[in-house]
Amino acid sequence: MFDDLPAQDGATLRRGRPAAHTVYGEASAQLAALSMISSAFGLVAQLDRAFPARRVTAVIDYVGTVLGPAGLCRGQDLDLRLGRDGAPVSPAQIIDMYSLKTSTAIEASLVPLLMLADRPPEQIDLLKRYAHHAGVVFQLHDDVLDATSSTALLGKDAGHDTAKANIVRTCGLAEARRLTDAHLAEAVACCDRLPFNTDLLVCAVRHFATRRH
């Protein structure tokens, strides 16, 4: 909801339906999004019914940090500002922005599971690396779709990112596809090294790289 607001991405469609703020107004969309974030932290706190309180506290601290001003929110800020002043933007800066705004969200949804299960740091690090590459794959393919698909097929405004700093605009479609393949391979390699079934993670990142919308 926040991402669609005029002050952010300014999107009018999401998954083929009108964005919330276009139906209910910006104030209601902001309050609804804020209430869901607050409720989510309340639900995480209730995990102490099934897991040691110290692990739950660590998860709350971790998620707040990953999604906060040094993580996801910083990535969104970079997305809004990069290249807007006419300064050149490097591919490395764009990939870093992708990781901050999208990989962090994937990381925050996966790593707490390992923290609650008291898995060793090596496994948590591999999952963080998977999340980094998976998020970059998602964003790179999003750039390709934005440049090559239609609003009807995407379910959101096509061509919406043409004025923003992105890999397709900076390096072209061929390089965006090459980078997608490279980060996909790295994500799958991380899964191969984890000592538990990662079929769902592999399927997810492959979907990120091949989805049509």
Protein backbone atom coordinates (compact mmCIF):
# COMPACT_ATOMS: atom_id res chain seq x y z
CA MET A 1 0.00 0.00 0.00
CA PHE A 2 2.77 2.43 0.91
CA ASP A 3 4.68 1.57 -2.26
CA ASP A 4 1.73 2.51 -4.49
CA LEU A 5 1.16 5.95 -2.97
CA PRO A 6 1.80 9.05 -5.14
CA ALA A 7 4.73 10.08 -2.92
CA GLN A 8 6.35 6.68 -3.56
CA ASP A 9 5.85 4.76 -6.83
CA GLY A 10 2.61 6.50 -7.74
CA ALA A 11 1.05 3.27 -9.06
CA THR A 12 -2.63 3.09 -9.96
CA LEU A 13 -2.90 -0.67 -10.55
CA ARG A 14 -1.76 -3.63 -8.48
CA ARG A 15 -2.34 -7.22 -9.66
CA GLY A 16 -4.95 -6.03 -12.11
CA ARG A 17 -6.98 -4.13 -9.53
CA PRO A 18 -7.02 -0.43 -8.59
CA ALA A 19 -4.40 0.46 -5.98
CA ALA A 20 -5.91 0.96 -2.52
CA HIS A 21 -5.33 4.71 -2.36
CA THR A 22 -7.20 5.24 -5.65
CA VAL A 23 -10.28 3.58 -4.14
CA TYR A 24 -10.18 4.55 -0.47
CA GLY A 25 -7.99 7.65 -0.47
CA GLU A 26 -4.40 8.21 0.59
CA ALA A 27 -5.14 8.68 4.30
CA SER A 28 -7.04 5.40 4.60
CA ALA A 29 -4.36 3.52 2.65
CA GLN A 30 -1.62 4.90 4.92
CA LEU A 31 -3.51 3.97 8.08
CA ALA A 32 -4.35 0.50 6.77
CA ALA A 33 -0.69 -0.17 5.90
CA LEU A 34 0.52 1.13 9.26
CA SER A 35 -2.05 -0.98 11.13
CA MET A 36 -0.89 -4.13 9.31
CA ILE A 37 2.76 -3.47 10.20
CA SER A 38 1.82 -2.89 13.86
CA SER A 39 -0.34 -6.01 13.92
CA ALA A 40 2.47 -8.07 12.39
CA PHE A 41 4.90 -7.15 15.16
CA GLY A 42 2.20 -8.03 17.70
CA LEU A 43 1.81 -11.48 16.12
CA VAL A 44 5.57 -12.06 16.15
CA ALA A 45 5.63 -11.24 19.87
CA GLN A 46 3.12 -14.05 20.47
CA LEU A 47 5.66 -16.61 19.24
CA ASP A 48 6.94 -16.82 22.82
CA ARG A 49 4.08 -19.27 23.39
CA ALA A 50 6.00 -21.84 21.34
CA PHE A 51 9.65 -20.66 21.39
CA PRO A 52 12.06 -19.35 24.03
CA ALA A 53 11.46 -15.66 24.72
CA ARG A 54 15.09 -14.74 24.00
CA ARG A 55 14.79 -16.09 20.45
CA VAL A 56 11.53 -14.23 19.88
CA THR A 57 13.10 -11.00 21.15
CA ALA A 58 16.05 -11.54 18.80
CA VAL A 59 13.65 -12.03 15.87
CA ILE A 60 11.74 -8.82 16.66
CA ASP A 61 15.01 -6.88 16.88
CA TYR A 62 16.28 -8.44 13.66
CA VAL A 63 13.13 -7.79 11.62
CA GLY A 64 12.91 -4.20 12.83
CA THR A 65 16.52 -3.61 11.80
CA VAL A 66 16.25 -5.28 8.37
CA LEU A 67 13.07 -3.40 7.45
CA GLY A 68 14.12 -0.10 9.01
CA PRO A 69 16.17 2.94 7.95
CA ALA A 70 19.32 0.93 7.20
CA GLY A 71 17.49 -1.72 5.18
CA LEU A 72 14.25 -1.76 3.22
CA CYS A 73 13.37 1.87 3.91
CA ARG A 74 16.80 2.97 2.73
CA GLY A 75 16.34 0.94 -0.44
CA GLN A 76 13.05 2.63 -1.14
CA ASP A 77 14.62 6.03 -0.53
CA LEU A 78 17.39 5.21 -3.02
CA ASP A 79 14.77 4.08 -5.54
CA LEU A 80 13.12 7.49 -5.25
CA ARG A 81 16.35 9.50 -5.49
CA LEU A 82 18.91 7.68 -7.66
CA GLY A 83 19.56 9.57 -10.87
CA ARG A 84 16.85 12.14 -10.27
CA ASP A 85 19.44 14.92 -9.96
CA GLY A 86 21.04 14.02 -13.28
CA ALA A 87 24.08 12.40 -11.67
CA PRO A 88 25.28 9.18 -13.32
CA VAL A 89 24.20 5.95 -11.65
CA SER A 90 26.34 2.80 -11.83
CA PRO A 91 25.00 -0.74 -12.19
CA ALA A 92 26.50 -1.55 -8.76
CA GLN A 93 24.45 1.24 -7.15
CA ILE A 94 21.29 -0.07 -8.78
CA ILE A 95 21.95 -3.66 -7.66
CA ASP A 96 22.60 -2.39 -4.13
CA MET A 97 19.30 -0.52 -4.21
CA TYR A 98 17.49 -3.66 -5.43
CA SER A 99 19.01 -5.66 -2.59
CA LEU A 100 18.00 -3.11 0.03
CA LYS A 101 14.42 -2.62 -1.17
CA THR A 102 13.52 -6.21 -2.12
CA SER A 103 16.07 -8.74 -0.87
CA THR A 104 15.58 -7.44 2.66
CA ALA A 105 11.86 -8.25 2.52
CA ILE A 106 12.63 -11.82 1.42
CA GLU A 107 15.34 -12.12 4.08
CA ALA A 108 12.98 -10.89 6.81
CA SER A 109 10.44 -13.55 5.86
CA LEU A 110 12.94 -16.44 5.92
CA VAL A 111 15.74 -15.84 8.40
CA PRO A 112 13.47 -15.64 11.50
CA LEU A 113 12.48 -19.27 10.88
CA LEU A 114 16.09 -20.35 11.28
CA MET A 115 16.59 -18.05 14.25
CA LEU A 116 13.60 -19.57 16.05
CA ALA A 117 14.91 -23.07 15.26
CA ASP A 118 18.33 -22.04 16.66
CA ARG A 119 20.12 -22.99 13.44
CA PRO A 120 23.88 -22.31 13.21
CA PRO A 121 25.16 -18.97 11.84
CA GLU A 122 26.53 -20.65 8.71
CA GLN A 123 23.03 -21.69 7.63
CA ILE A 124 21.59 -18.26 8.42
CA ASP A 125 24.34 -16.64 6.34
CA LEU A 126 23.55 -18.90 3.38
CA LEU A 127 19.87 -18.02 3.63
CA LYS A 128 20.71 -14.31 3.72
CA ARG A 129 22.82 -14.75 0.59
CA TYR A 130 19.97 -16.62 -1.08
CA ALA A 131 17.62 -13.76 -0.19
CA HIS A 132 20.06 -11.21 -1.64
CA HIS A 133 20.27 -12.97 -4.99
CA ALA A 134 16.55 -13.84 -5.09
CA GLY A 135 15.54 -10.23 -4.49
CA VAL A 136 17.90 -8.99 -7.20
CA VAL A 137 16.50 -11.60 -9.61
CA PHE A 138 12.98 -10.37 -8.86
CA GLN A 139 13.89 -6.74 -9.51
CA LEU A 140 15.92 -7.42 -12.64
CA HIS A 141 13.10 -9.42 -14.20
CA ASP A 142 10.69 -6.69 -13.10
CA ASP A 143 12.77 -4.23 -15.15
CA VAL A 144 12.58 -6.52 -18.18
CA LEU A 145 8.82 -6.96 -17.85
CA ASP A 146 8.28 -3.22 -17.38
CA ALA A 147 10.13 -2.55 -20.64
CA THR A 148 8.69 -5.38 -22.74
CA SER A 149 5.21 -6.29 -21.49
CA SER A 150 1.79 -4.62 -21.38
CA THR A 151 -0.38 -3.21 -18.62
CA ALA A 152 -3.06 -5.81 -19.33
CA LEU A 153 -0.63 -8.71 -18.90
CA LEU A 154 1.30 -7.27 -15.95
CA GLY A 155 -1.72 -6.20 -13.94
CA LYS A 156 0.08 -2.94 -13.21
CA ASP A 157 1.21 0.10 -15.19
CA ALA A 158 3.71 -0.99 -17.86
CA GLY A 159 6.50 1.45 -18.69
CA HIS A 160 6.12 2.95 -15.23
CA ASP A 161 9.83 2.69 -14.44
CA THR A 162 11.25 4.17 -17.65
CA ALA A 163 12.20 7.42 -15.90
CA LYS A 164 13.78 5.68 -12.90
CA ALA A 165 17.27 4.30 -12.41
CA ASN A 166 17.14 0.65 -13.39
CA ILE A 167 19.36 -1.91 -15.08
CA VAL A 168 17.45 -2.02 -18.37
CA ARG A 169 17.64 1.75 -18.72
CA THR A 170 21.32 1.84 -17.72
CA CYS A 171 22.71 -1.33 -19.35
CA GLY A 172 20.07 -2.62 -21.77
CA LEU A 173 17.86 -5.70 -21.96
CA ALA A 174 20.63 -8.15 -22.81
CA GLU A 175 22.68 -7.23 -19.74
CA ALA A 176 19.59 -7.32 -17.52
CA ARG A 177 18.88 -10.87 -18.69
CA ARG A 178 22.52 -11.91 -18.21
CA LEU A 179 22.56 -10.55 -14.67
CA THR A 180 19.26 -12.29 -13.95
CA ASP A 181 20.76 -15.64 -14.95
CA ALA A 182 23.90 -15.01 -12.89
CA HIS A 183 22.01 -14.10 -9.71
CA LEU A 184 19.60 -17.00 -10.26
CA ALA A 185 22.55 -19.41 -10.39
CA GLU A 186 23.99 -17.93 -7.19
CA ALA A 187 20.65 -18.28 -5.38
CA VAL A 188 20.31 -21.91 -6.40
CA ALA A 189 23.92 -22.57 -5.34
CA CYS A 190 23.12 -21.28 -1.84
CA CYS A 191 20.15 -23.65 -1.67
CA ASP A 192 22.35 -26.57 -2.70
CA ARG A 193 24.58 -25.95 0.33
CA LEU A 194 21.78 -25.86 2.91
CA PRO A 195 21.26 -29.13 4.81
CA PHE A 196 17.47 -29.19 4.50
CA ASN A 197 14.92 -29.38 1.70
CA THR A 198 15.09 -26.17 -0.31
CA ASP A 199 12.86 -27.17 -3.24
CA LEU A 200 10.39 -24.39 -2.45
CA LEU A 201 13.15 -21.77 -2.34
CA VAL A 202 14.56 -22.95 -5.68
CA CYS A 203 11.11 -22.93 -7.28
CA ALA A 204 10.46 -19.44 -5.91
CA VAL A 205 13.60 -17.86 -7.34
CA ARG A 206 13.10 -19.61 -10.69
CA HIS A 207 9.58 -18.21 -10.75
CA PHE A 208 10.99 -14.74 -10.05
CA ALA A 209 13.15 -15.12 -13.16
CA THR A 210 10.45 -16.45 -15.51
CA ARG A 211 7.14 -14.94 -14.38
CA ARG A 212 4.99 -13.13 -16.90
CA HIS A 213 3.52 -10.61 -14.45
